[in-house]
Amino acid sequence: MTQGSATPLPAPKERRRLREARALTQAELASRLGVSRSTVRSWETGRTTPRGRKLEAYVRLLGVGTTLSDDAVSGRQEGSVPALVGAGAPPPSRENRASANRRASEDRTADGAEPAEHADRGVVDRDRDRPGGEGERGDADQDSAVREPSLTPAQAFDALYAFAAPALVRQTYLLTGRRELARESVERAFQLAWYRWPEVAVDRDPAGWVRATAYEYALSPWHRLRPRYRHPEAPPAGGSERALLDVLLTLPPVYRRTLLLYDGVGLGLPETAAETEASTPAAANRVLHAREAVAARLPELALPEDLHRRLTELGSAERLRAAKPRTVRHHGEHRARQWTRAAIAFTVLLIGVTALTLRTAPDHYEAPLSPPETIHGLPPRSAPGPLSAEELVLRAKLRSQTSSGPERLVPDIR
């Protein structure tokens, strides 16, 4: 099967996650593709991009066309996760699942499996059996869905903000223990997302992009230098919530983030490792050590299910509200205008200083004067005065002789 534009190449982190999800090492994937291991590493870090037949084989081995279908069949949808986990990507629609199933059927046909038309017929039959499926809506509804206008960038951003911001504020609060910092981190992340919206809009997981940005800002060590963050905030009202938050804040930031992503948000181990920029074994060890630290102080949270439930309750107990999406967009645009004006002013100032330097700088070389030195042993210089009788005779004698020739230099014997 030839890879078309319907199945784009995933992001670098997503490539690594898909490879680890299929239990493939970089060496194994390189041997199957006929390339070196460093080439695969460059693909996963984003330094290079495969092309041509290598691209088709790479996407087919990662199973990009079947990932969405497998998730739909197994029932893993982000919408089924509790409120704390709501920062994932929106669940795929019925049309997306049907197109993914068709692409997966075509791949199975290329490998010798059942034909694609049978798989498509199965998808249609399943949709027809559901209430309000494709068979009941008819062709008129399909045509109206096709003619439905797409969202504007502002509307798409507002939809993403309304979907991910409330849960992301609660997650960031569990990560930092500060309410104001949690709101500020989420707003800064969405402001950056709006500034780079052409890149975020085409990402496979826009909510994950914003989540990673918010976590990075919230865990920045420079916040401790700000005067408003030198004093701790008021802890939660409940004793159990306060004890759990204290245990979370005692963990190292990287362990706290890994535990929150895996047990709080509900991401898989490969996704957690990719978002924390660690290997899958390292992410698993961090989760185990964090669970042991929590269970050592709170034995009732030894089970992962109990820990997940308590994290959800702790995040939902605090009344944390995010700002309106329009306000976030307005502040982001205002901040971008300020930085642009500051950059223009700095550039103009730099040009002015350069022009003034060129105008006032010397255009030729001047040798420096040597510093004066004091000479000792000379008699003091006397002021001029009248000549004595002997000096007058000597001057008359010198003037009477020739003024040139060696005679003047030879002393007279007389």
Protein backbone atom coordinates (compact mmCIF):
# COMPACT_ATOMS: atom_id res chain seq x y z
CA MET A 1 0.00 0.00 0.00
CA THR A 2 1.38 3.43 -0.95
CA GLN A 3 1.40 5.95 1.86
CA GLY A 4 -0.67 8.97 0.93
CA SER A 5 -1.27 12.32 2.47
CA ALA A 6 -4.19 10.92 4.51
CA THR A 7 -1.71 9.42 7.03
CA PRO A 8 0.87 12.13 7.86
CA LEU A 9 4.15 11.45 9.61
CA PRO A 10 3.67 11.84 13.39
CA ALA A 11 5.66 14.17 15.60
CA PRO A 12 9.16 13.06 16.75
CA LYS A 13 8.01 12.17 20.29
CA GLU A 14 5.03 10.31 18.86
CA ARG A 15 7.34 8.29 16.58
CA ARG A 16 9.31 7.09 19.57
CA ARG A 17 6.15 6.28 21.51
CA LEU A 18 4.71 4.25 18.64
CA ARG A 19 7.97 2.33 18.26
CA GLU A 20 8.11 1.46 21.95
CA ALA A 21 4.42 0.55 21.95
CA ARG A 22 5.19 -2.08 19.31
CA ALA A 23 8.15 -3.40 21.36
CA LEU A 24 10.74 -2.40 18.75
CA THR A 25 14.20 -1.13 19.50
CA GLN A 26 15.99 1.38 17.32
CA ALA A 27 18.33 -1.33 16.05
CA GLU A 28 15.44 -3.65 15.10
CA LEU A 29 13.58 -0.87 13.33
CA ALA A 30 16.75 0.18 11.50
CA SER A 31 17.40 -3.40 10.31
CA ARG A 32 13.85 -3.70 8.98
CA LEU A 33 14.11 -0.39 7.13
CA GLY A 34 17.63 -1.01 5.86
CA VAL A 35 19.12 2.08 7.51
CA SER A 36 21.52 2.72 10.34
CA ARG A 37 20.55 3.14 13.98
CA SER A 38 21.75 6.76 13.96
CA THR A 39 19.31 7.48 11.14
CA VAL A 40 16.40 6.18 13.20
CA ARG A 41 17.61 8.22 16.16
CA SER A 42 17.68 11.33 13.96
CA TRP A 43 14.12 10.64 12.82
CA GLU A 44 12.90 10.34 16.42
CA THR A 45 14.65 13.50 17.55
CA GLY A 46 13.35 15.51 14.60
CA ARG A 47 16.74 16.37 13.10
CA THR A 48 15.91 14.60 9.83
CA THR A 49 12.77 13.28 8.14
CA PRO A 50 12.42 10.14 6.01
CA ARG A 51 11.31 10.49 2.42
CA GLY A 52 10.09 8.36 -0.42
CA ARG A 53 9.95 4.61 0.12
CA LYS A 54 11.69 4.95 3.49
CA LEU A 55 8.85 7.19 4.65
CA GLU A 56 6.20 4.71 3.50
CA ALA A 57 7.94 1.77 5.18
CA TYR A 58 8.59 3.78 8.37
CA VAL A 59 4.97 4.86 8.73
CA ARG A 60 3.75 1.33 7.99
CA LEU A 61 6.02 -0.19 10.65
CA LEU A 62 4.91 2.40 13.21
CA GLY A 63 1.30 1.51 12.43
CA VAL A 64 0.08 5.10 12.19
CA GLY A 65 -2.95 4.10 10.12
CA THR A 66 -4.07 1.45 12.62
CA THR A 67 -3.42 3.25 15.90
CA LEU A 68 -6.71 5.10 15.88
CA SER A 69 -8.63 1.96 14.91
CA ASP A 70 -7.06 -0.10 17.68
CA ASP A 71 -7.89 2.56 20.26
CA ALA A 72 -11.50 2.69 19.08
CA VAL A 73 -11.87 -1.10 19.21
CA SER A 74 -10.29 -1.40 22.66
CA GLY A 75 -12.51 1.38 23.99
CA ARG A 76 -9.66 3.72 25.05
CA GLN A 77 -11.09 7.20 24.64
CA GLU A 78 -9.96 10.27 26.47
CA GLY A 79 -13.52 11.31 27.17
CA SER A 80 -14.01 8.34 29.51
CA VAL A 81 -11.30 9.49 31.94
CA PRO A 82 -12.36 11.47 35.05
CA ALA A 83 -12.21 15.24 35.28
CA LEU A 84 -8.54 15.30 36.26
CA VAL A 85 -7.63 13.36 33.15
CA GLY A 86 -9.47 15.69 30.80
CA ALA A 87 -6.32 17.29 29.42
CA GLY A 88 -5.87 14.67 26.70
CA ALA A 89 -6.88 14.98 23.07
CA PRO A 90 -10.62 14.92 22.19
CA PRO A 91 -11.99 11.50 21.31
CA PRO A 92 -12.05 10.72 17.61
CA SER A 93 -15.35 11.11 15.80
CA ARG A 94 -17.23 8.29 14.08
CA GLU A 95 -16.02 9.48 10.67
CA ASN A 96 -12.39 9.45 11.82
CA ARG A 97 -12.74 5.96 13.28
CA ALA A 98 -14.31 4.70 10.06
CA SER A 99 -11.53 6.21 7.92
CA ALA A 100 -8.90 4.76 10.28
CA ASN A 101 -10.55 1.34 10.02
CA ARG A 102 -10.52 1.60 6.24
CA ARG A 103 -6.82 2.45 6.25
CA ALA A 104 -6.14 -0.44 8.62
CA SER A 105 -8.13 -2.78 6.34
CA GLU A 106 -6.09 -1.66 3.35
CA ASP A 107 -2.88 -2.39 5.26
CA ARG A 108 -4.16 -5.84 6.19
CA THR A 109 -5.05 -6.45 2.55
CA ALA A 110 -1.49 -5.59 1.51
CA ASP A 111 -0.22 -8.13 4.06
CA GLY A 112 -2.56 -10.87 2.84
CA ALA A 113 -5.49 -10.35 5.21
CA GLU A 114 -9.17 -9.91 4.37
CA PRO A 115 -10.10 -7.48 1.57
CA ALA A 116 -10.79 -3.86 2.36
CA GLU A 117 -14.37 -3.95 1.11
CA HIS A 118 -15.32 -6.52 3.76
CA ALA A 119 -13.79 -4.38 6.50
CA ASP A 120 -15.64 -1.34 5.20
CA ARG A 121 -18.85 -3.32 5.11
CA GLY A 122 -18.29 -4.31 8.75
CA VAL A 123 -17.78 -0.69 9.75
CA VAL A 124 -20.96 0.34 7.93
CA ASP A 125 -22.92 -2.48 9.53
CA ARG A 126 -21.72 -1.52 13.00
CA ASP A 127 -22.65 2.10 12.41
CA ARG A 128 -26.03 1.06 11.05
CA ASP A 129 -26.73 -0.98 14.18
CA ARG A 130 -26.05 2.00 16.45
CA PRO A 131 -28.84 4.51 17.19
CA GLY A 132 -28.50 7.39 14.77
CA GLY A 133 -25.83 5.61 12.70
CA GLU A 134 -24.76 6.36 9.19
CA GLY A 135 -27.49 4.11 7.73
CA GLU A 136 -30.25 6.10 9.44
CA ARG A 137 -28.93 9.55 8.73
CA GLY A 138 -28.75 9.02 4.97
CA ASP A 139 -26.84 10.75 2.23
CA ALA A 140 -28.41 14.15 2.86
CA ASP A 141 -26.89 14.36 6.35
CA GLN A 142 -23.52 13.28 5.00
CA ASP A 143 -23.59 16.01 2.37
CA SER A 144 -24.55 18.60 4.97
CA ALA A 145 -21.70 17.42 7.19
CA VAL A 146 -19.29 17.80 4.30
CA ARG A 147 -20.56 21.31 3.52
CA GLU A 148 -20.31 22.37 7.17
CA PRO A 149 -17.85 25.28 7.41
CA SER A 150 -14.65 24.74 9.36
CA LEU A 151 -13.83 26.59 12.57
CA THR A 152 -11.84 29.76 12.60
CA PRO A 153 -8.49 29.75 14.46
CA ALA A 154 -10.03 31.68 17.36
CA GLN A 155 -12.96 29.26 17.62
CA ALA A 156 -10.65 26.24 17.50
CA PHE A 157 -8.45 27.76 20.18
CA ASP A 158 -11.46 28.51 22.39
CA ALA A 159 -12.68 24.93 21.98
CA LEU A 160 -9.28 23.55 22.98
CA TYR A 161 -9.10 25.92 25.94
CA ALA A 162 -12.58 25.00 27.17
CA PHE A 163 -11.73 21.31 26.86
CA ALA A 164 -8.27 21.24 28.49
CA ALA A 165 -7.85 24.32 30.70
CA PRO A 166 -10.05 23.39 33.73
CA ALA A 167 -8.44 20.00 34.23
CA LEU A 168 -4.97 21.34 33.44
CA VAL A 169 -5.23 23.95 36.20
CA ARG A 170 -6.01 21.20 38.72
CA GLN A 171 -3.10 19.09 37.48
CA THR A 172 -0.67 22.00 37.73
CA TYR A 173 -1.87 22.68 41.27
CA LEU A 174 -0.98 19.11 42.24
CA LEU A 175 2.40 19.64 40.60
CA THR A 176 3.28 22.88 42.40
CA GLY A 177 0.94 23.21 45.38
CA ARG A 178 0.27 26.86 44.46
CA ARG A 179 -3.06 28.03 43.13
CA GLU A 180 -1.90 31.28 41.57
CA LEU A 181 1.11 29.64 39.94
CA ALA A 182 -1.14 26.92 38.51
CA ARG A 183 -3.42 29.46 36.85
CA GLU A 184 -0.47 31.51 35.61
CA SER A 185 1.25 28.45 34.14
CA VAL A 186 -1.85 27.37 32.23
CA GLU A 187 -2.47 30.88 30.91
CA ARG A 188 1.15 31.25 29.78
CA ALA A 189 1.01 27.86 28.07
CA PHE A 190 -2.15 28.77 26.17
CA GLN A 191 -0.76 32.19 25.29
CA LEU A 192 2.26 30.49 23.77
CA ALA A 193 -0.04 28.04 22.00
CA TRP A 194 -2.02 30.93 20.49
CA TYR A 195 1.21 32.64 19.43
CA ARG A 196 2.33 29.40 17.74
CA TRP A 197 -1.13 28.28 16.71
CA PRO A 198 -0.22 27.19 13.15
CA GLU A 199 2.15 24.65 14.71
CA VAL A 200 -0.13 23.61 17.57
CA ALA A 201 -3.23 23.27 15.37
CA VAL A 202 -1.64 20.53 13.23
CA ASP A 203 -0.14 18.66 16.18
CA ARG A 204 -1.45 15.16 16.83
CA ASP A 205 -2.19 16.04 20.46
CA PRO A 206 -2.66 19.81 20.95
CA ALA A 207 -3.77 19.32 24.56
CA GLY A 208 -0.60 17.33 25.26
CA TRP A 209 1.49 20.13 23.71
CA VAL A 210 -0.13 22.67 26.03
CA ARG A 211 0.19 20.33 29.02
CA ALA A 212 3.92 19.85 28.50
CA THR A 213 4.42 23.62 28.16
CA ALA A 214 2.44 24.33 31.33
CA TYR A 215 4.38 21.71 33.30
CA GLU A 216 7.71 23.13 32.14
CA TYR A 217 6.72 26.64 33.18
CA ALA A 218 5.31 25.52 36.52
CA LEU A 219 8.44 23.54 37.44
CA SER A 220 10.87 26.32 36.47
CA PRO A 221 13.37 26.90 39.32
CA TRP A 222 13.34 30.67 38.68
CA HIS A 223 9.99 31.05 40.45
CA ARG A 224 11.70 30.76 43.82
CA LEU A 225 13.40 34.12 43.15
CA ARG A 226 10.08 35.94 42.81
CA PRO A 227 9.00 37.73 46.02
CA ARG A 228 5.39 36.57 45.81
CA TYR A 229 6.42 32.90 45.75
CA ARG A 230 8.85 32.93 48.66
CA HIS A 231 6.08 32.24 51.17
CA PRO A 232 3.93 29.08 51.04
CA GLU A 233 0.22 29.28 50.29
CA ALA A 234 -2.57 28.05 52.53
CA PRO A 235 -2.85 24.23 52.44
CA PRO A 236 -6.08 22.40 51.61
CA ALA A 237 -8.78 22.37 54.26
CA GLY A 238 -9.07 18.58 54.63
CA GLY A 239 -6.45 16.68 56.60
CA SER A 240 -6.17 13.80 54.12
CA GLU A 241 -5.84 16.18 51.15
CA ARG A 242 -3.20 18.20 52.99
CA ALA A 243 -1.21 15.05 53.83
CA LEU A 244 -1.29 13.83 50.21
CA LEU A 245 -0.23 17.23 48.87
CA ASP A 246 2.65 17.36 51.36
CA VAL A 247 3.84 13.94 50.21
CA LEU A 248 3.66 15.00 46.56
CA LEU A 249 5.65 18.17 47.19
CA THR A 250 8.41 16.22 48.95
CA LEU A 251 9.05 14.18 45.79
CA PRO A 252 11.64 15.43 43.29
CA PRO A 253 10.03 17.41 40.46
CA VAL A 254 10.75 14.79 37.81
CA TYR A 255 9.27 11.99 39.97
CA ARG A 256 6.27 14.15 40.81
CA ARG A 257 5.62 14.89 37.15
CA THR A 258 5.96 11.26 36.11
CA LEU A 259 3.61 10.08 38.86
CA LEU A 260 1.04 12.72 37.97
CA LEU A 261 1.10 11.83 34.27
CA TYR A 262 0.88 8.08 34.84
CA ASP A 263 -1.39 7.76 37.88
CA GLY A 264 -3.16 11.11 37.73
CA VAL A 265 -3.69 11.90 34.07
CA GLY A 266 -3.77 8.24 33.06
CA LEU A 267 -1.22 8.28 30.24
CA GLY A 268 0.44 5.05 29.19
CA LEU A 269 4.04 4.34 30.08
CA PRO A 270 5.44 5.09 26.58
CA GLU A 271 3.48 8.36 26.43
CA THR A 272 4.71 9.32 29.90
CA ALA A 273 8.31 8.54 28.97
CA ALA A 274 8.04 10.56 25.77
CA GLU A 275 6.54 13.59 27.51
CA THR A 276 9.14 13.55 30.29
CA GLU A 277 11.94 12.96 27.73
CA ALA A 278 13.10 9.75 29.39
CA SER A 279 13.34 6.13 28.38
CA THR A 280 10.49 3.77 29.17
CA PRO A 281 12.46 1.81 31.85
CA ALA A 282 13.49 5.08 33.49
CA ALA A 283 9.88 6.29 33.57
CA ALA A 284 8.76 2.96 35.06
CA ASN A 285 11.40 3.19 37.80
CA ARG A 286 10.34 6.74 38.61
CA VAL A 287 6.71 5.65 38.95
CA LEU A 288 7.66 2.76 41.23
CA HIS A 289 9.87 4.91 43.46
CA ALA A 290 7.23 7.62 43.68
CA ARG A 291 4.55 5.08 44.62
CA GLU A 292 6.82 3.64 47.30
CA ALA A 293 7.44 7.10 48.75
CA VAL A 294 3.71 7.85 48.84
CA ALA A 295 2.84 4.43 50.32
CA ALA A 296 5.53 4.82 53.00
CA ARG A 297 3.77 7.87 54.44
CA LEU A 298 0.21 7.03 53.40
CA PRO A 299 -0.22 3.24 53.53
CA GLU A 300 -3.86 3.47 52.48
CA LEU A 301 -2.70 4.64 49.01
CA ALA A 302 -0.55 1.60 48.26
CA LEU A 303 -2.87 0.50 45.44
CA PRO A 304 -2.64 2.48 42.17
CA GLU A 305 -6.45 2.67 41.93
CA ASP A 306 -6.70 4.34 45.33
CA LEU A 307 -3.90 6.73 44.46
CA HIS A 308 -5.59 7.70 41.20
CA ARG A 309 -8.90 8.28 42.99
CA ARG A 310 -7.30 10.42 45.71
CA LEU A 311 -5.40 12.50 43.16
CA THR A 312 -8.63 13.14 41.31
CA GLU A 313 -10.42 14.11 44.52
CA LEU A 314 -7.57 16.37 45.61
CA GLY A 315 -7.58 18.20 42.29
CA SER A 316 -11.35 18.57 42.29
CA ALA A 317 -11.56 19.73 45.92
CA GLU A 318 -9.89 23.06 45.17
CA ARG A 319 -12.03 25.63 43.38
CA LEU A 320 -9.57 26.56 40.68
CA ARG A 321 -11.00 28.46 37.76
CA ALA A 322 -9.19 29.39 34.60
CA ALA A 323 -9.65 32.70 32.85
CA LYS A 324 -11.87 33.13 29.83
CA PRO A 325 -10.33 32.06 26.50
CA ARG A 326 -10.90 35.49 25.02
CA THR A 327 -9.01 37.07 27.92
CA VAL A 328 -6.11 34.66 27.45
CA ARG A 329 -5.94 35.42 23.75
CA HIS A 330 -6.11 39.18 24.41
CA HIS A 331 -3.32 39.05 27.01
CA GLY A 332 -1.21 36.85 24.74
CA GLU A 333 -1.58 39.27 21.83
CA HIS A 334 -0.87 42.24 24.12
CA ARG A 335 2.27 40.53 25.43
CA ALA A 336 3.39 39.74 21.89
CA ARG A 337 2.89 43.39 20.87
CA GLN A 338 4.89 44.58 23.86
CA TRP A 339 7.77 42.24 23.08
CA THR A 340 7.68 43.30 19.44
CA ARG A 341 7.79 46.98 20.35
CA ALA A 342 10.61 46.35 22.82
CA ALA A 343 12.58 44.49 20.16
CA ILE A 344 12.03 47.33 17.66
CA ALA A 345 13.07 49.95 20.25
CA PHE A 346 16.19 47.98 21.15
CA THR A 347 17.08 47.60 17.48
CA VAL A 348 16.65 51.34 16.85
CA LEU A 349 18.77 52.12 19.93
CA LEU A 350 21.49 49.76 18.77
CA ILE A 351 21.50 51.33 15.30
CA GLY A 352 21.73 54.83 16.82
CA VAL A 353 24.63 53.90 19.10
CA THR A 354 26.44 52.28 16.18
CA ALA A 355 25.95 55.35 13.98
CA LEU A 356 27.16 57.67 16.75
CA THR A 357 30.23 55.51 17.30
CA LEU A 358 31.07 55.57 13.60
CA ARG A 359 30.59 59.34 13.50
CA THR A 360 32.80 60.15 16.48
CA ALA A 361 35.46 57.46 16.10
CA PRO A 362 38.94 58.61 14.81
CA ASP A 363 39.62 57.94 11.14
CA HIS A 364 43.44 57.76 11.31
CA TYR A 365 46.06 56.36 13.63
CA GLU A 366 47.80 58.63 16.11
CA ALA A 367 50.87 57.31 17.85
CA PRO A 368 50.60 57.65 21.59
CA LEU A 369 52.96 60.02 23.40
CA SER A 370 55.48 58.42 25.68
CA PRO A 371 55.04 59.30 29.33
CA PRO A 372 57.48 61.89 30.75
CA GLU A 373 60.51 60.74 32.74
CA THR A 374 62.51 62.60 35.40
CA ILE A 375 66.27 62.98 34.64
CA HIS A 376 68.55 63.39 37.63
CA GLY A 377 72.13 64.86 37.81
CA LEU A 378 71.63 68.07 35.78
CA PRO A 379 72.30 71.53 37.28
CA PRO A 380 69.29 73.66 37.82
CA ARG A 381 68.38 75.94 34.96
CA SER A 382 69.20 79.58 35.77
CA ALA A 383 67.50 82.63 34.46
CA PRO A 384 69.29 84.73 31.76
CA GLY A 385 71.27 87.79 32.96
CA PRO A 386 74.01 90.26 31.87
CA LEU A 387 77.32 88.80 30.56
CA SER A 388 80.52 89.21 32.52
CA ALA A 389 83.74 90.77 31.09
CA GLU A 390 85.23 87.36 30.35
CA GLU A 391 82.07 86.18 28.59
CA LEU A 392 82.05 89.32 26.44
CA VAL A 393 85.68 88.74 25.38
CA LEU A 394 84.94 85.13 24.53
CA ARG A 395 81.90 86.07 22.43
CA ALA A 396 83.91 88.67 20.50
CA LYS A 397 86.64 86.15 19.83
CA LEU A 398 84.16 83.55 18.54
CA ARG A 399 82.48 86.04 16.24
CA SER A 400 85.78 87.19 14.79
CA GLN A 401 86.75 83.72 13.61
CA THR A 402 85.36 81.89 10.59
CA SER A 403 81.95 80.36 11.04
CA SER A 404 82.60 77.25 8.92
CA GLY A 405 85.39 74.78 8.31
CA PRO A 406 87.49 72.63 10.55
CA GLU A 407 89.51 75.61 11.77
CA ARG A 408 86.83 76.52 14.19
CA LEU A 409 86.83 73.04 15.64
CA VAL A 410 90.62 72.85 16.03
CA PRO A 411 91.80 74.58 19.23
CA ASP A 412 94.25 77.46 18.83
CA ILE A 413 97.68 76.82 20.46
CA ARG A 414 98.29 80.50 20.94
